Amino acid sequence: EAMKNSSENGLPSLVIAERKLPEMDGIVLLDRLKKQFKKKIPFFFLTVYSSDQDISEGLSHGALEYIVKPFNMKILTEKILATLEGQ
């Protein structure tokens, strides 16, 4: 909701979202961000939904990472830093 009226300059450097959100599916959020903004926002799923189909769907929609809970904080931090440094 906060990004709905944002300019390209006001966008976050990275989005980390749960797959199932209170008001929408994380896939819907990812698709809306891709449709609304020309700038590609790196997107990670951090979720308990871990079936092969869930992972495949998340990645096929453009998520950079699909991380399943429970997760290793050190690995998550490394992935975040690598993504931000690559921008």
Protein backbone atom coordinates (compact mmCIF):
# COMPACT_ATOMS: atom_id res chain seq x y z
CA GLU A 1 0.00 0.00 0.00
CA ALA A 2 2.82 2.40 0.89
CA MET A 3 4.43 1.99 -2.53
CA LYS A 4 1.20 2.53 -4.45
CA ASN A 5 1.81 6.26 -4.86
CA SER A 6 5.62 6.19 -4.80
CA SER A 7 7.77 7.61 -7.51
CA GLU A 8 10.54 5.50 -9.01
CA ASN A 9 13.03 7.35 -6.78
CA GLY A 10 11.12 6.48 -3.61
CA LEU A 11 11.12 2.73 -4.12
CA PRO A 12 12.84 0.33 -1.74
CA SER A 13 16.14 -1.29 -2.68
CA LEU A 14 14.73 -4.74 -1.88
CA VAL A 15 11.38 -6.29 -0.97
CA ILE A 16 11.17 -9.35 1.28
CA ALA A 17 7.63 -10.71 1.53
CA GLU A 18 5.75 -13.69 2.87
CA ARG A 19 4.01 -15.79 0.25
CA LYS A 20 0.61 -15.52 1.91
CA LEU A 21 -0.20 -11.97 3.00
CA PRO A 22 -3.32 -10.85 4.88
CA GLU A 23 -4.86 -9.08 1.90
CA MET A 24 -3.25 -10.79 -1.09
CA ASP A 25 -0.89 -13.49 -2.22
CA GLY A 26 2.77 -12.49 -2.43
CA ILE A 27 2.73 -13.48 -6.13
CA VAL A 28 0.07 -10.81 -6.70
CA LEU A 29 2.25 -8.26 -4.91
CA LEU A 30 5.27 -9.19 -7.03
CA ASP A 31 3.25 -8.99 -10.25
CA ARG A 32 1.78 -5.60 -9.27
CA LEU A 33 5.22 -4.17 -8.52
CA LYS A 34 6.57 -5.38 -11.86
CA LYS A 35 3.57 -3.92 -13.68
CA GLN A 36 3.53 -0.57 -11.85
CA PHE A 37 7.22 0.30 -11.93
CA LYS A 38 9.77 0.26 -14.73
CA LYS A 39 12.61 -0.05 -12.22
CA LYS A 40 13.16 -3.67 -11.26
CA ILE A 41 12.93 -4.10 -7.50
CA PRO A 42 14.77 -7.18 -6.20
CA PHE A 43 12.15 -9.39 -4.57
CA PHE A 44 12.68 -12.24 -2.08
CA PHE A 45 10.05 -14.59 -0.76
CA LEU A 46 10.60 -15.66 2.85
CA THR A 47 7.91 -18.21 3.57
CA VAL A 48 6.77 -21.52 5.02
CA TYR A 49 5.26 -22.54 1.67
CA SER A 50 7.87 -24.95 0.42
CA SER A 51 6.42 -27.32 -2.16
CA ASP A 52 8.23 -27.60 -5.47
CA GLN A 53 5.20 -25.97 -7.10
CA ASP A 54 5.28 -23.01 -4.65
CA ILE A 55 9.00 -22.43 -5.24
CA SER A 56 8.71 -22.81 -9.01
CA GLU A 57 5.76 -20.40 -9.13
CA GLY A 58 7.55 -17.77 -7.04
CA LEU A 59 10.70 -17.90 -9.14
CA SER A 60 8.84 -18.02 -12.45
CA HIS A 61 7.07 -14.77 -11.53
CA GLY A 62 10.42 -13.07 -11.07
CA ALA A 63 11.43 -13.49 -7.44
CA LEU A 64 15.18 -13.32 -7.12
CA GLU A 65 15.19 -15.65 -4.11
CA TYR A 66 12.68 -18.06 -2.57
CA ILE A 67 13.77 -18.76 0.99
CA VAL A 68 11.91 -21.32 3.08
CA LYS A 69 11.37 -20.99 6.83
CA PRO A 70 13.04 -21.93 9.05
CA PHE A 71 16.01 -20.22 7.48
CA ASN A 72 19.62 -19.45 8.27
CA MET A 73 19.97 -15.74 9.12
CA LYS A 74 23.61 -15.64 8.00
CA ILE A 75 22.71 -16.98 4.55
CA LEU A 76 19.78 -14.56 4.25
CA THR A 77 22.03 -11.65 5.22
CA GLU A 78 24.64 -12.71 2.66
CA LYS A 79 21.99 -12.91 -0.08
CA ILE A 80 20.65 -9.47 0.85
CA LEU A 81 24.10 -7.87 0.88
CA ALA A 82 25.07 -9.50 -2.42
CA THR A 83 21.86 -8.25 -4.02
CA LEU A 84 22.26 -4.70 -2.72
CA GLU A 85 25.92 -4.56 -3.71
CA GLY A 86 25.01 -5.70 -7.22
CA GLN A 87 22.65 -2.78 -7.81
